[in-house]
N, C-alpha and C. Protein backbone atom coordinates (compact mmCIF):
# COMPACT_ATOMS: atom_id res chain seq x y z
N MET A 1 0.85 -1.17 0.00
CA MET A 1 0.00 0.00 0.00
C MET A 1 0.89 1.24 0.00
N ALA A 2 0.78 2.08 -1.00
CA ALA A 2 1.60 3.28 -1.12
C ALA A 2 1.05 4.40 -0.24
N LEU A 3 1.92 5.02 0.51
CA LEU A 3 1.53 6.16 1.32
C LEU A 3 1.61 7.42 0.49
N THR A 4 0.68 8.33 0.67
CA THR A 4 0.73 9.60 -0.05
C THR A 4 0.57 10.78 0.88
N THR A 5 0.66 10.56 2.17
CA THR A 5 0.53 11.65 3.13
C THR A 5 1.82 12.44 3.22
N VAL A 6 1.70 13.71 3.52
CA VAL A 6 2.86 14.57 3.69
C VAL A 6 3.21 14.62 5.17
N GLN A 7 4.45 14.25 5.49
CA GLN A 7 4.91 14.27 6.86
C GLN A 7 6.18 15.08 6.93
N SER A 8 6.18 16.15 7.71
CA SER A 8 7.35 17.02 7.88
C SER A 8 7.88 17.53 6.54
N GLY A 9 7.00 17.85 5.61
CA GLY A 9 7.41 18.42 4.33
C GLY A 9 7.93 17.42 3.32
N VAL A 10 7.91 16.14 3.63
CA VAL A 10 8.40 15.11 2.70
C VAL A 10 7.24 14.19 2.36
N ILE A 11 7.10 13.85 1.11
CA ILE A 11 6.04 12.94 0.71
C ILE A 11 6.52 11.52 0.92
N ALA A 12 5.77 10.77 1.69
CA ALA A 12 6.14 9.38 1.95
C ALA A 12 5.56 8.49 0.85
N GLY A 13 6.21 7.42 0.56
CA GLY A 13 5.68 6.46 -0.40
C GLY A 13 5.89 6.88 -1.83
N GLY A 14 4.87 7.45 -2.48
CA GLY A 14 4.90 7.76 -3.90
C GLY A 14 5.77 8.94 -4.29
N THR A 15 6.96 9.04 -3.76
CA THR A 15 7.88 10.13 -4.07
C THR A 15 8.36 10.02 -5.51
N PRO A 16 8.22 11.10 -6.32
CA PRO A 16 8.71 11.06 -7.69
C PRO A 16 10.23 10.83 -7.74
N ALA A 17 10.63 9.87 -8.56
CA ALA A 17 12.04 9.57 -8.78
C ALA A 17 12.15 8.92 -10.16
N PHE A 18 13.27 9.20 -10.85
CA PHE A 18 13.47 8.59 -12.16
C PHE A 18 14.95 8.39 -12.42
N ARG A 19 15.25 7.51 -13.34
CA ARG A 19 16.59 7.35 -13.89
C ARG A 19 16.43 6.92 -15.34
N ALA A 20 17.04 7.70 -16.23
CA ALA A 20 17.01 7.40 -17.66
C ALA A 20 18.44 7.35 -18.18
N TYR A 21 18.64 6.65 -19.29
CA TYR A 21 19.97 6.56 -19.87
C TYR A 21 19.87 6.54 -21.39
N ALA A 22 21.01 6.71 -22.03
CA ALA A 22 21.07 6.75 -23.49
C ALA A 22 21.48 5.39 -24.04
N THR A 23 20.80 4.96 -25.09
CA THR A 23 21.20 3.72 -25.77
C THR A 23 21.95 4.02 -27.06
N ALA A 24 22.09 5.30 -27.40
CA ALA A 24 22.86 5.72 -28.57
C ALA A 24 23.49 7.06 -28.25
N GLY A 25 24.58 7.39 -28.91
CA GLY A 25 25.25 8.66 -28.66
C GLY A 25 24.48 9.83 -29.25
N THR A 26 24.68 11.01 -28.67
CA THR A 26 24.14 12.25 -29.21
C THR A 26 25.25 12.95 -29.95
N THR A 27 25.02 13.30 -31.21
CA THR A 27 26.03 13.99 -32.01
C THR A 27 26.00 15.48 -31.71
N ILE A 28 27.19 16.05 -31.50
CA ILE A 28 27.31 17.48 -31.19
C ILE A 28 28.27 18.07 -32.22
N GLY A 29 27.82 19.08 -32.95
CA GLY A 29 28.66 19.73 -33.95
C GLY A 29 29.71 20.62 -33.30
N ALA A 30 30.73 20.97 -34.06
CA ALA A 30 31.79 21.85 -33.55
C ALA A 30 31.22 23.20 -33.17
N GLY A 31 31.51 23.64 -31.96
CA GLY A 31 31.03 24.93 -31.47
C GLY A 31 29.54 24.97 -31.24
N ALA A 32 28.91 23.83 -31.08
CA ALA A 32 27.46 23.76 -30.94
C ALA A 32 27.05 23.22 -29.57
N THR A 33 25.82 23.50 -29.22
CA THR A 33 25.19 22.95 -28.03
C THR A 33 24.05 22.06 -28.48
N ALA A 34 23.98 20.86 -27.94
CA ALA A 34 22.93 19.91 -28.33
C ALA A 34 22.28 19.31 -27.10
N LYS A 35 21.00 19.02 -27.23
CA LYS A 35 20.27 18.34 -26.16
C LYS A 35 20.69 16.88 -26.14
N ILE A 36 20.99 16.37 -24.95
CA ILE A 36 21.38 14.97 -24.81
C ILE A 36 20.11 14.12 -24.76
N THR A 37 20.10 13.05 -25.52
CA THR A 37 18.96 12.16 -25.59
C THR A 37 19.12 11.01 -24.60
N PHE A 38 18.21 10.93 -23.66
CA PHE A 38 18.13 9.83 -22.69
C PHE A 38 16.85 9.08 -23.04
N ASP A 39 16.96 8.01 -23.80
CA ASP A 39 15.80 7.40 -24.42
C ASP A 39 15.24 6.16 -23.74
N THR A 40 15.84 5.73 -22.64
CA THR A 40 15.38 4.52 -21.95
C THR A 40 15.33 4.78 -20.45
N LYS A 41 14.26 4.31 -19.81
CA LYS A 41 14.12 4.49 -18.36
C LYS A 41 14.46 3.21 -17.61
N ASP A 42 15.22 3.36 -16.52
CA ASP A 42 15.39 2.27 -15.56
C ASP A 42 14.17 2.21 -14.66
N TYR A 43 13.75 3.39 -14.21
CA TYR A 43 12.55 3.50 -13.39
C TYR A 43 12.00 4.92 -13.48
N ASP A 44 10.74 5.06 -13.18
CA ASP A 44 10.05 6.35 -13.20
C ASP A 44 8.83 6.19 -12.31
N THR A 45 8.99 6.44 -11.03
CA THR A 45 7.98 6.10 -10.03
C THR A 45 6.67 6.86 -10.16
N ASN A 46 6.68 8.00 -10.82
CA ASN A 46 5.47 8.83 -10.90
C ASN A 46 5.13 9.19 -12.34
N THR A 47 5.75 8.52 -13.30
CA THR A 47 5.54 8.75 -14.73
C THR A 47 5.74 10.22 -15.09
N ASN A 48 6.86 10.81 -14.64
CA ASN A 48 7.16 12.22 -14.91
C ASN A 48 8.30 12.41 -15.90
N TYR A 49 8.93 11.32 -16.34
CA TYR A 49 10.01 11.44 -17.30
C TYR A 49 9.55 10.95 -18.67
N SER A 50 9.79 11.76 -19.70
CA SER A 50 9.41 11.40 -21.06
C SER A 50 10.64 10.99 -21.87
N THR A 51 10.64 9.77 -22.37
CA THR A 51 11.73 9.33 -23.24
C THR A 51 11.58 9.91 -24.65
N VAL A 52 10.39 10.36 -24.99
CA VAL A 52 10.14 10.96 -26.31
C VAL A 52 10.91 12.27 -26.45
N ASN A 53 10.86 13.11 -25.41
CA ASN A 53 11.55 14.40 -25.50
C ASN A 53 12.68 14.56 -24.47
N SER A 54 13.09 13.47 -23.83
CA SER A 54 14.19 13.51 -22.85
C SER A 54 14.00 14.63 -21.84
N ARG A 55 12.85 14.63 -21.20
CA ARG A 55 12.47 15.73 -20.32
C ARG A 55 11.81 15.21 -19.05
N PHE A 56 12.18 15.82 -17.91
CA PHE A 56 11.59 15.50 -16.62
C PHE A 56 10.65 16.63 -16.24
N THR A 57 9.35 16.30 -16.06
CA THR A 57 8.32 17.27 -15.70
C THR A 57 7.57 16.75 -14.49
N PRO A 58 8.06 17.05 -13.28
CA PRO A 58 7.40 16.50 -12.08
C PRO A 58 6.04 17.15 -11.83
N THR A 59 5.14 16.37 -11.27
CA THR A 59 3.79 16.86 -10.96
C THR A 59 3.60 17.11 -9.47
N VAL A 60 4.69 17.05 -8.73
CA VAL A 60 4.67 17.37 -7.30
C VAL A 60 5.64 18.53 -7.08
N ALA A 61 5.14 19.62 -6.54
CA ALA A 61 6.00 20.79 -6.28
C ALA A 61 6.99 20.48 -5.17
N GLY A 62 8.23 20.95 -5.36
CA GLY A 62 9.22 20.75 -4.32
C GLY A 62 10.63 20.87 -4.82
N TYR A 63 11.55 20.43 -4.00
CA TYR A 63 12.98 20.50 -4.28
C TYR A 63 13.47 19.13 -4.74
N TYR A 64 14.11 19.09 -5.89
CA TYR A 64 14.55 17.84 -6.50
C TYR A 64 16.07 17.78 -6.58
N GLN A 65 16.62 16.65 -6.18
CA GLN A 65 18.04 16.40 -6.37
C GLN A 65 18.19 15.78 -7.75
N ILE A 66 18.90 16.48 -8.63
CA ILE A 66 19.09 16.05 -10.01
C ILE A 66 20.56 15.67 -10.20
N SER A 67 20.80 14.54 -10.83
CA SER A 67 22.16 14.09 -11.11
C SER A 67 22.25 13.63 -12.55
N LEU A 68 23.46 13.69 -13.10
CA LEU A 68 23.64 13.23 -14.47
C LEU A 68 25.08 12.83 -14.71
N GLY A 69 25.27 12.06 -15.75
CA GLY A 69 26.59 11.65 -16.18
C GLY A 69 26.65 11.63 -17.69
N VAL A 70 27.72 12.16 -18.26
CA VAL A 70 27.93 12.10 -19.70
C VAL A 70 29.38 11.72 -19.96
N ARG A 71 29.62 11.20 -21.13
CA ARG A 71 30.98 10.83 -21.50
C ARG A 71 31.21 11.33 -22.93
N PRO A 72 31.83 12.50 -23.08
CA PRO A 72 32.06 13.04 -24.42
C PRO A 72 33.20 12.31 -25.12
N THR A 73 33.14 12.30 -26.45
CA THR A 73 34.22 11.70 -27.23
C THR A 73 34.97 12.75 -28.03
N THR A 74 34.84 14.01 -27.63
CA THR A 74 35.58 15.08 -28.30
C THR A 74 37.04 15.04 -27.88
N SER A 75 37.85 15.85 -28.54
CA SER A 75 39.28 15.91 -28.24
C SER A 75 39.51 16.31 -26.79
N THR A 76 40.56 15.78 -26.18
CA THR A 76 40.85 16.11 -24.78
C THR A 76 41.29 17.56 -24.61
N SER A 77 41.61 18.25 -25.71
CA SER A 77 41.99 19.66 -25.60
C SER A 77 40.82 20.58 -25.94
N SER A 78 39.66 20.00 -26.12
CA SER A 78 38.47 20.74 -26.53
C SER A 78 37.71 21.28 -25.32
N GLU A 79 37.15 22.46 -25.48
CA GLU A 79 36.29 23.03 -24.44
C GLU A 79 34.95 22.30 -24.45
N THR A 80 34.45 21.99 -23.26
CA THR A 80 33.20 21.26 -23.12
C THR A 80 32.36 21.89 -22.02
N GLY A 81 31.05 21.89 -22.20
CA GLY A 81 30.14 22.39 -21.18
C GLY A 81 28.95 21.46 -21.04
N VAL A 82 28.47 21.27 -19.83
CA VAL A 82 27.27 20.48 -19.58
C VAL A 82 26.32 21.39 -18.81
N TYR A 83 25.09 21.50 -19.31
CA TYR A 83 24.13 22.46 -18.77
C TYR A 83 22.82 21.80 -18.41
N LEU A 84 22.26 22.21 -17.29
CA LEU A 84 20.92 21.80 -16.90
C LEU A 84 19.99 22.92 -17.32
N TYR A 85 19.08 22.60 -18.22
CA TYR A 85 18.10 23.58 -18.69
C TYR A 85 16.79 23.40 -17.92
N LYS A 86 16.22 24.52 -17.49
CA LYS A 86 14.91 24.52 -16.85
C LYS A 86 13.99 25.38 -17.70
N ASN A 87 12.91 24.80 -18.14
CA ASN A 87 11.93 25.51 -18.97
C ASN A 87 12.54 26.09 -20.24
N GLY A 88 13.48 25.39 -20.85
CA GLY A 88 14.05 25.79 -22.12
C GLY A 88 15.22 26.75 -22.07
N SER A 89 15.68 27.12 -20.86
CA SER A 89 16.81 28.04 -20.73
C SER A 89 17.84 27.47 -19.77
N ASN A 90 19.10 27.87 -19.95
CA ASN A 90 20.15 27.39 -19.07
C ASN A 90 19.86 27.82 -17.64
N TYR A 91 19.69 26.84 -16.78
CA TYR A 91 19.42 27.10 -15.37
C TYR A 91 20.72 27.05 -14.56
N GLU A 92 21.57 26.07 -14.91
CA GLU A 92 22.82 25.92 -14.17
C GLU A 92 23.87 25.26 -15.05
N THR A 93 25.06 25.86 -15.04
CA THR A 93 26.20 25.26 -15.72
C THR A 93 26.80 24.25 -14.76
N LEU A 94 26.74 22.99 -15.14
CA LEU A 94 27.20 21.93 -14.26
C LEU A 94 28.65 21.56 -14.50
N TYR A 95 29.14 21.83 -15.70
CA TYR A 95 30.54 21.56 -16.03
C TYR A 95 30.94 22.48 -17.16
N ASP A 96 32.06 23.17 -17.01
CA ASP A 96 32.54 24.08 -18.05
C ASP A 96 34.06 24.15 -17.91
N ALA A 97 34.77 23.58 -18.89
CA ALA A 97 36.22 23.53 -18.78
C ALA A 97 36.86 23.51 -20.17
N THR A 98 38.15 23.80 -20.19
CA THR A 98 38.88 23.82 -21.45
C THR A 98 39.45 22.46 -21.81
N THR A 99 39.33 21.50 -20.94
CA THR A 99 39.74 20.13 -21.26
C THR A 99 38.59 19.18 -20.92
N VAL A 100 38.50 18.11 -21.65
CA VAL A 100 37.42 17.15 -21.46
C VAL A 100 37.87 16.04 -20.53
N LEU A 101 37.04 15.73 -19.57
CA LEU A 101 37.27 14.53 -18.75
C LEU A 101 36.61 13.36 -19.46
N TYR A 102 37.07 12.16 -19.21
CA TYR A 102 36.45 11.01 -19.85
C TYR A 102 35.02 10.80 -19.37
N ASN A 103 34.78 11.02 -18.10
CA ASN A 103 33.42 10.94 -17.56
C ASN A 103 33.14 12.22 -16.80
N ILE A 104 31.99 12.79 -17.05
CA ILE A 104 31.58 14.01 -16.35
C ILE A 104 30.31 13.67 -15.59
N SER A 105 30.31 13.88 -14.28
CA SER A 105 29.09 13.71 -13.50
C SER A 105 28.87 14.98 -12.70
N ALA A 106 27.61 15.30 -12.49
CA ALA A 106 27.27 16.55 -11.81
C ALA A 106 25.90 16.40 -11.16
N SER A 107 25.61 17.32 -10.25
CA SER A 107 24.29 17.31 -9.60
C SER A 107 23.90 18.72 -9.20
N ALA A 108 22.61 18.91 -8.97
CA ALA A 108 22.08 20.20 -8.56
C ALA A 108 20.78 19.98 -7.80
N LEU A 109 20.49 20.87 -6.89
CA LEU A 109 19.20 20.88 -6.20
C LEU A 109 18.35 21.94 -6.88
N VAL A 110 17.16 21.56 -7.35
CA VAL A 110 16.34 22.44 -8.18
C VAL A 110 14.92 22.48 -7.64
N TYR A 111 14.37 23.69 -7.49
CA TYR A 111 12.96 23.82 -7.13
C TYR A 111 12.11 23.67 -8.39
N MET A 112 11.07 22.84 -8.32
CA MET A 112 10.15 22.63 -9.43
C MET A 112 8.73 22.91 -8.93
N ASN A 113 7.92 23.62 -9.75
CA ASN A 113 6.59 24.04 -9.30
C ASN A 113 5.53 22.93 -9.34
N GLY A 114 5.83 21.80 -9.95
CA GLY A 114 4.90 20.68 -9.96
C GLY A 114 3.83 20.75 -11.02
N SER A 115 3.89 21.76 -11.89
CA SER A 115 2.89 21.83 -12.95
C SER A 115 3.52 22.11 -14.32
N THR A 116 4.27 23.20 -14.45
CA THR A 116 4.80 23.56 -15.76
C THR A 116 6.32 23.47 -15.87
N ASP A 117 7.05 23.41 -14.78
CA ASP A 117 8.52 23.34 -14.84
C ASP A 117 8.99 22.01 -15.41
N TYR A 118 10.05 22.06 -16.21
CA TYR A 118 10.65 20.84 -16.75
C TYR A 118 12.16 21.02 -16.85
N LEU A 119 12.88 19.88 -16.88
CA LEU A 119 14.34 19.88 -16.94
C LEU A 119 14.83 19.05 -18.12
N GLU A 120 15.93 19.52 -18.73
CA GLU A 120 16.59 18.82 -19.83
C GLU A 120 18.09 19.02 -19.65
N VAL A 121 18.89 18.19 -20.33
CA VAL A 121 20.35 18.28 -20.25
C VAL A 121 20.90 18.61 -21.64
N PHE A 122 21.79 19.60 -21.69
CA PHE A 122 22.45 19.99 -22.93
C PHE A 122 23.96 19.93 -22.74
N MET A 123 24.67 19.81 -23.85
CA MET A 123 26.13 19.76 -23.81
C MET A 123 26.70 20.59 -24.94
N TYR A 124 27.76 21.33 -24.65
CA TYR A 124 28.49 22.12 -25.64
C TYR A 124 29.81 21.41 -25.95
N ALA A 125 30.20 21.44 -27.22
CA ALA A 125 31.48 20.87 -27.61
C ALA A 125 32.19 21.83 -28.58
N GLN A 126 33.38 22.24 -28.22
CA GLN A 126 34.16 23.11 -29.10
C GLN A 126 34.58 22.35 -30.36
N THR A 127 34.91 21.08 -30.18
CA THR A 127 35.28 20.21 -31.29
C THR A 127 34.14 19.22 -31.50
N ALA A 128 33.76 18.96 -32.73
CA ALA A 128 32.66 18.05 -33.02
C ALA A 128 32.92 16.68 -32.39
N GLY A 129 31.87 16.05 -31.93
CA GLY A 129 31.99 14.72 -31.33
C GLY A 129 30.63 14.17 -30.98
N THR A 130 30.63 13.16 -30.15
CA THR A 130 29.39 12.57 -29.67
C THR A 130 29.54 12.26 -28.20
N THR A 131 28.42 11.95 -27.56
CA THR A 131 28.49 11.41 -26.21
C THR A 131 28.54 9.90 -26.38
N ASN A 132 29.31 9.24 -25.55
CA ASN A 132 29.27 7.78 -25.55
C ASN A 132 27.91 7.36 -25.04
N PHE A 133 27.56 6.10 -25.20
CA PHE A 133 26.24 5.67 -24.80
C PHE A 133 26.32 4.43 -23.93
N GLY A 134 25.21 4.14 -23.32
CA GLY A 134 25.11 2.96 -22.47
C GLY A 134 24.70 3.34 -21.07
N ASN A 135 24.12 2.41 -20.39
CA ASN A 135 23.58 2.62 -19.06
C ASN A 135 24.59 3.24 -18.09
N SER A 136 25.87 2.93 -18.22
CA SER A 136 26.83 3.39 -17.24
C SER A 136 27.51 4.70 -17.60
N SER A 137 27.39 5.19 -18.84
CA SER A 137 28.16 6.39 -19.19
C SER A 137 27.34 7.63 -19.49
N VAL A 138 26.08 7.51 -19.87
CA VAL A 138 25.25 8.68 -20.16
C VAL A 138 23.89 8.47 -19.48
N TRP A 139 23.67 9.18 -18.37
CA TRP A 139 22.46 8.98 -17.57
C TRP A 139 21.98 10.29 -16.97
N PHE A 140 20.70 10.30 -16.55
CA PHE A 140 20.02 11.48 -16.01
C PHE A 140 19.05 10.96 -14.97
N SER A 141 19.13 11.47 -13.75
CA SER A 141 18.24 10.97 -12.69
C SER A 141 17.84 12.09 -11.75
N GLY A 142 16.79 11.82 -10.99
CA GLY A 142 16.35 12.81 -10.02
C GLY A 142 15.33 12.23 -9.07
N CYS A 143 15.18 12.90 -7.93
CA CYS A 143 14.15 12.50 -6.97
C CYS A 143 13.77 13.69 -6.10
N LEU A 144 12.54 13.66 -5.64
CA LEU A 144 12.04 14.67 -4.73
C LEU A 144 12.68 14.49 -3.38
N VAL A 145 13.29 15.57 -2.84
CA VAL A 145 13.87 15.47 -1.51
C VAL A 145 13.05 16.22 -0.47
N ARG A 146 12.22 17.17 -0.94
CA ARG A 146 11.32 17.88 -0.03
C ARG A 146 10.20 18.52 -0.82
N SER A 147 8.98 18.26 -0.41
CA SER A 147 7.84 18.87 -1.09
C SER A 147 7.72 20.33 -0.66
N ALA A 148 7.02 21.10 -1.48
CA ALA A 148 6.85 22.53 -1.17
C ALA A 148 5.43 22.82 -0.75
């Protein structure tokens, strides 16, 4: 039996949580920013993640812990950026450097209104390349840590 009562600002039981990953690489042109495609779900407890548009749109207002991992295949001397977009605009730069790491992981705490807010992941590559793919190298996850 799933609990849905709010206790001390946290929703017990049916807390929204998801984890999605890429089964194919996302191509990024030189000097371009591209949306990363996370097309497969490991889990999605509240049906808030869309594999069609690689977007998380929670229906419970609150603070969400968002995490992600990408693995670019651009040159190691290339500038790379990983961005968390909220409602179609850059909300937070999660990684921005003049050299590429083999694996980039990042996280952010984000307030979501529970109705219209949504999150997506984008990546910039100075040199054309792709993101590697697979459950362990390109992923996007999140969960509600406190309701509002």
